[in-house]
Amino acid sequence: LTANTNTNFAVEVESEPCGSSGVTCTKGVYITMGTDIIEIRSFETAKINNVDEPIPYRSDKFGYTIAMIGFQLFFATPFGIDVSWDGLTRVYITSGPRWMGQLEGMCGNFNQDPGDDMRTSQGEITASQTTFGNSWKMSEQCP
């Protein structure tokens, strides 16, 4: 969904078809934070570098936290990019103004110019939602 190569931070979402209307559900949220690889597939535990850790969790090394707040799971970074997941279909990524123009991905580049938000992973602007979405797939098996 979003990445910043200067901080080695990325968010990826694994989706799967659910229901009969073509809707996809989020199966897991994967976050790269420095050298940590975080896999979140439930509200109870997160897999951090292939080790199950209970939620809530705080990384002493990188300063991020993972916690449940209400019915949402929150991943908060010390540098102002946060991720929340409802456990079903919605993943939200929020970032502070210091990240304007420094992000890329399916959430756009956060430069206040909606005309270039549909930039493919190859750097080309497209009007096709299908081309745009397919360019950011991490696997051809993605729905």
C-alpha atoms as a PDB file:
ATOM      1  CA  LEU A   1       0.000   0.000   0.000  1.00  0.00           C
ATOM      2  CA  THR A   2       2.766   2.440   0.820  1.00  0.00           C
ATOM      3  CA  ALA A   3       6.526   2.555   1.015  1.00  0.00           C
ATOM      4  CA  ASN A   4       9.360   4.919   1.759  1.00  0.00           C
ATOM      5  CA  THR A   5      12.783   3.693   0.767  1.00  0.00           C
ATOM      6  CA  ASN A   6      14.606   6.335   2.829  1.00  0.00           C
ATOM      7  CA  THR A   7      13.376   4.801   6.097  1.00  0.00           C
ATOM      8  CA  ASN A   8      13.075   1.168   4.981  1.00  0.00           C
ATOM      9  CA  PHE A   9       9.377   1.202   5.802  1.00  0.00           C
ATOM     10  CA  ALA A  10       6.709  -0.582   3.763  1.00  0.00           C
ATOM     11  CA  VAL A  11       3.153  -1.840   4.237  1.00  0.00           C
ATOM     12  CA  GLU A  12       1.765  -4.747   2.212  1.00  0.00           C
ATOM     13  CA  VAL A  13      -1.665  -6.319   2.469  1.00  0.00           C
ATOM     14  CA  GLU A  14      -2.624  -9.875   1.568  1.00  0.00           C
ATOM     15  CA  SER A  15      -6.211 -10.102   0.360  1.00  0.00           C
ATOM     16  CA  GLU A  16      -8.463 -13.006  -0.473  1.00  0.00           C
ATOM     17  CA  PRO A  17     -11.906 -13.197  -2.067  1.00  0.00           C
ATOM     18  CA  CYS A  18     -14.764 -13.268   0.420  1.00  0.00           C
ATOM     19  CA  GLY A  19     -18.458 -13.440  -0.254  1.00  0.00           C
ATOM     20  CA  SER A  20     -19.980 -13.734  -3.697  1.00  0.00           C
ATOM     21  CA  SER A  21     -19.924 -10.096  -4.850  1.00  0.00           C
ATOM     22  CA  GLY A  22     -16.222  -9.826  -5.690  1.00  0.00           C
ATOM     23  CA  VAL A  23     -15.274  -8.184  -2.401  1.00  0.00           C
ATOM     24  CA  THR A  24     -11.860  -9.010  -0.978  1.00  0.00           C
ATOM     25  CA  CYS A  25     -11.021  -9.373   2.693  1.00  0.00           C
ATOM     26  CA  THR A  26      -7.667  -8.599   4.233  1.00  0.00           C
ATOM     27  CA  LYS A  27      -6.007 -11.838   5.266  1.00  0.00           C
ATOM     28  CA  GLY A  28      -2.892 -10.229   6.707  1.00  0.00           C
ATOM     29  CA  VAL A  29      -0.952  -6.984   7.030  1.00  0.00           C
ATOM     30  CA  TYR A  30       2.812  -7.111   6.504  1.00  0.00           C
ATOM     31  CA  ILE A  31       5.019  -4.268   7.624  1.00  0.00           C
ATOM     32  CA  THR A  32       8.735  -3.806   7.097  1.00  0.00           C
ATOM     33  CA  MET A  33      10.255  -1.524   9.712  1.00  0.00           C
ATOM     34  CA  GLY A  34      14.036  -1.283   9.517  1.00  0.00           C
ATOM     35  CA  THR A  35      15.233  -4.874   9.702  1.00  0.00           C
ATOM     36  CA  ASP A  36      12.012  -6.111  11.347  1.00  0.00           C
ATOM     37  CA  ILE A  37       9.447  -8.009   9.269  1.00  0.00           C
ATOM     38  CA  ILE A  38       6.055  -7.850  11.006  1.00  0.00           C
ATOM     39  CA  GLU A  39       3.196 -10.150  10.003  1.00  0.00           C
ATOM     40  CA  ILE A  40      -0.209  -9.424  11.517  1.00  0.00           C
ATOM     41  CA  ARG A  41      -2.960 -11.938  10.841  1.00  0.00           C
ATOM     42  CA  SER A  42      -4.919 -11.763  14.088  1.00  0.00           C
ATOM     43  CA  PHE A  43      -5.616  -9.417  16.964  1.00  0.00           C
ATOM     44  CA  GLU A  44      -3.887 -11.679  19.514  1.00  0.00           C
ATOM     45  CA  THR A  45      -0.343 -12.103  18.158  1.00  0.00           C
ATOM     46  CA  ALA A  46       2.035 -10.609  15.636  1.00  0.00           C
ATOM     47  CA  LYS A  47       4.847 -12.532  14.021  1.00  0.00           C
ATOM     48  CA  ILE A  48       8.008 -10.450  14.277  1.00  0.00           C
ATOM     49  CA  ASN A  49      10.936 -11.892  12.340  1.00  0.00           C
ATOM     50  CA  ASN A  50       9.098 -15.266  12.437  1.00  0.00           C
ATOM     51  CA  VAL A  51       8.628 -15.180  16.226  1.00  0.00           C
ATOM     52  CA  ASP A  52       5.083 -14.986  17.648  1.00  0.00           C
ATOM     53  CA  GLU A  53       4.722 -12.041  20.027  1.00  0.00           C
ATOM     54  CA  PRO A  54       1.600 -11.204  22.039  1.00  0.00           C
ATOM     55  CA  ILE A  55      -0.300  -8.004  21.310  1.00  0.00           C
ATOM     56  CA  PRO A  56       0.181  -5.410  22.759  1.00  0.00           C
ATOM     57  CA  TYR A  57       3.812  -5.283  21.663  1.00  0.00           C
ATOM     58  CA  ARG A  58       6.511  -2.601  21.750  1.00  0.00           C
ATOM     59  CA  SER A  59       9.789  -2.756  19.853  1.00  0.00           C
ATOM     60  CA  ASP A  60      12.660  -1.423  21.930  1.00  0.00           C
ATOM     61  CA  LYS A  61      14.898  -1.488  18.849  1.00  0.00           C
ATOM     62  CA  PHE A  62      12.709   0.587  16.491  1.00  0.00           C
ATOM     63  CA  GLY A  63      10.172   2.174  18.861  1.00  0.00           C
ATOM     64  CA  TYR A  64       6.994   0.990  17.140  1.00  0.00           C
ATOM     65  CA  THR A  65       3.960  -0.321  19.013  1.00  0.00           C
ATOM     66  CA  ILE A  66       1.185  -2.728  18.098  1.00  0.00           C
ATOM     67  CA  ALA A  67      -2.004  -2.520  20.170  1.00  0.00           C
ATOM     68  CA  MET A  68      -5.752  -2.977  20.059  1.00  0.00           C
ATOM     69  CA  ILE A  69      -7.768   0.199  20.493  1.00  0.00           C
ATOM     70  CA  GLY A  70     -11.462  -0.532  20.474  1.00  0.00           C
ATOM     71  CA  PHE A  71     -12.144  -2.830  17.528  1.00  0.00           C
ATOM     72  CA  GLN A  72      -9.077  -1.743  15.538  1.00  0.00           C
ATOM     73  CA  LEU A  73      -5.514  -2.976  15.567  1.00  0.00           C
ATOM     74  CA  PHE A  74      -3.016  -0.088  15.483  1.00  0.00           C
ATOM     75  CA  PHE A  75       0.607  -0.126  14.409  1.00  0.00           C
ATOM     76  CA  ALA A  76       2.224   3.176  15.405  1.00  0.00           C
ATOM     77  CA  THR A  77       5.715   4.292  14.375  1.00  0.00           C
ATOM     78  CA  PRO A  78       7.836   6.885  16.151  1.00  0.00           C
ATOM     79  CA  PHE A  79       8.202   8.815  12.880  1.00  0.00           C
ATOM     80  CA  GLY A  80       4.543   9.534  12.194  1.00  0.00           C
ATOM     81  CA  ILE A  81       3.273   6.830   9.835  1.00  0.00           C
ATOM     82  CA  ASP A  82       0.565   4.689  11.412  1.00  0.00           C
ATOM     83  CA  VAL A  83      -1.446   1.698  10.207  1.00  0.00           C
ATOM     84  CA  SER A  84      -4.829   0.502  11.466  1.00  0.00           C
ATOM     85  CA  TRP A  85      -6.777  -2.609  10.486  1.00  0.00           C
ATOM     86  CA  ASP A  86     -10.342  -3.592  11.306  1.00  0.00           C
ATOM     87  CA  GLY A  87      -9.539  -7.297  10.927  1.00  0.00           C
ATOM     88  CA  LEU A  88     -11.771  -7.622   7.874  1.00  0.00           C
ATOM     89  CA  THR A  89     -11.642  -5.393   4.808  1.00  0.00           C
ATOM     90  CA  ARG A  90     -10.233  -2.008   5.825  1.00  0.00           C
ATOM     91  CA  VAL A  91      -6.604  -0.992   6.288  1.00  0.00           C
ATOM     92  CA  TYR A  92      -5.860   2.683   6.932  1.00  0.00           C
ATOM     93  CA  ILE A  93      -2.476   4.338   6.654  1.00  0.00           C
ATOM     94  CA  THR A  94      -2.006   7.813   8.075  1.00  0.00           C
ATOM     95  CA  SER A  95       1.060   9.994   7.838  1.00  0.00           C
ATOM     96  CA  GLY A  96       2.084  13.407   9.068  1.00  0.00           C
ATOM     97  CA  PRO A  97       2.940  16.392   6.855  1.00  0.00           C
ATOM     98  CA  ARG A  98       6.682  15.673   7.007  1.00  0.00           C
ATOM     99  CA  TRP A  99       6.016  12.733   4.629  1.00  0.00           C
ATOM    100  CA  MET A 100       4.487  14.860   1.842  1.00  0.00           C
ATOM    101  CA  GLY A 101       5.915  13.769  -1.504  1.00  0.00           C
ATOM    102  CA  GLN A 102       8.011  10.986   0.050  1.00  0.00           C
ATOM    103  CA  LEU A 103       5.590   8.056  -0.209  1.00  0.00           C
ATOM    104  CA  GLU A 104       4.576   5.776  -3.041  1.00  0.00           C
ATOM    105  CA  GLY A 105       2.069   3.015  -3.597  1.00  0.00           C
ATOM    106  CA  MET A 106      -1.640   2.400  -3.858  1.00  0.00           C
ATOM    107  CA  CYS A 107      -2.347   5.210  -1.396  1.00  0.00           C
ATOM    108  CA  GLY A 108      -0.712   7.725  -3.734  1.00  0.00           C
ATOM    109  CA  ASN A 109       2.408   9.769  -3.146  1.00  0.00           C
ATOM    110  CA  PHE A 110       0.963  12.301  -0.678  1.00  0.00           C
ATOM    111  CA  ASN A 111       1.986  15.389  -2.629  1.00  0.00           C
ATOM    112  CA  GLN A 112      -1.445  17.093  -2.733  1.00  0.00           C
ATOM    113  CA  ASP A 113      -1.709  16.520  -6.507  1.00  0.00           C
ATOM    114  CA  PRO A 114      -4.452  13.958  -7.177  1.00  0.00           C
ATOM    115  CA  GLY A 115      -3.505  14.002 -10.866  1.00  0.00           C
ATOM    116  CA  ASP A 116      -0.458  11.819 -10.236  1.00  0.00           C
ATOM    117  CA  ASP A 117      -1.789   9.490  -7.541  1.00  0.00           C
ATOM    118  CA  MET A 118      -2.429   6.730 -10.100  1.00  0.00           C
ATOM    119  CA  ARG A 119       1.299   6.187 -10.637  1.00  0.00           C
ATOM    120  CA  THR A 120       2.151   2.542 -11.316  1.00  0.00           C
ATOM    121  CA  SER A 121       4.990   0.741  -9.575  1.00  0.00           C
ATOM    122  CA  GLN A 122       6.972   1.377 -12.787  1.00  0.00           C
ATOM    123  CA  GLY A 123       6.526   5.158 -12.343  1.00  0.00           C
ATOM    124  CA  GLU A 124       3.995   5.708 -15.142  1.00  0.00           C
ATOM    125  CA  ILE A 125       0.724   7.587 -14.604  1.00  0.00           C
ATOM    126  CA  THR A 126      -2.334   5.677 -15.822  1.00  0.00           C
ATOM    127  CA  ALA A 127      -6.059   6.343 -15.990  1.00  0.00           C
ATOM    128  CA  SER A 128      -6.833   2.635 -15.717  1.00  0.00           C
ATOM    129  CA  GLN A 129      -7.664   1.482 -12.201  1.00  0.00           C
ATOM    130  CA  THR A 130      -6.974  -2.110 -13.243  1.00  0.00           C
ATOM    131  CA  THR A 131      -3.532  -1.289 -14.634  1.00  0.00           C
ATOM    132  CA  PHE A 132      -2.733   0.768 -11.544  1.00  0.00           C
ATOM    133  CA  GLY A 133      -3.870  -1.927  -9.098  1.00  0.00           C
ATOM    134  CA  ASN A 134      -2.230  -4.783 -10.968  1.00  0.00           C
ATOM    135  CA  SER A 135       1.087  -2.937 -11.097  1.00  0.00           C
ATOM    136  CA  TRP A 136       1.308  -2.980  -7.283  1.00  0.00           C
ATOM    137  CA  LYS A 137       0.511  -6.697  -6.889  1.00  0.00           C
ATOM    138  CA  MET A 138       3.239  -8.538  -5.036  1.00  0.00           C
ATOM    139  CA  SER A 139       2.122 -11.869  -6.528  1.00  0.00           C
ATOM    140  CA  GLU A 140       0.155 -12.910  -9.602  1.00  0.00           C
ATOM    141  CA  GLN A 141      -2.043 -15.027  -7.311  1.00  0.00           C
ATOM    142  CA  CYS A 142      -3.463 -11.844  -5.713  1.00  0.00           C
ATOM    143  CA  PRO A 143      -7.164 -11.320  -6.392  1.00  0.00           C
END
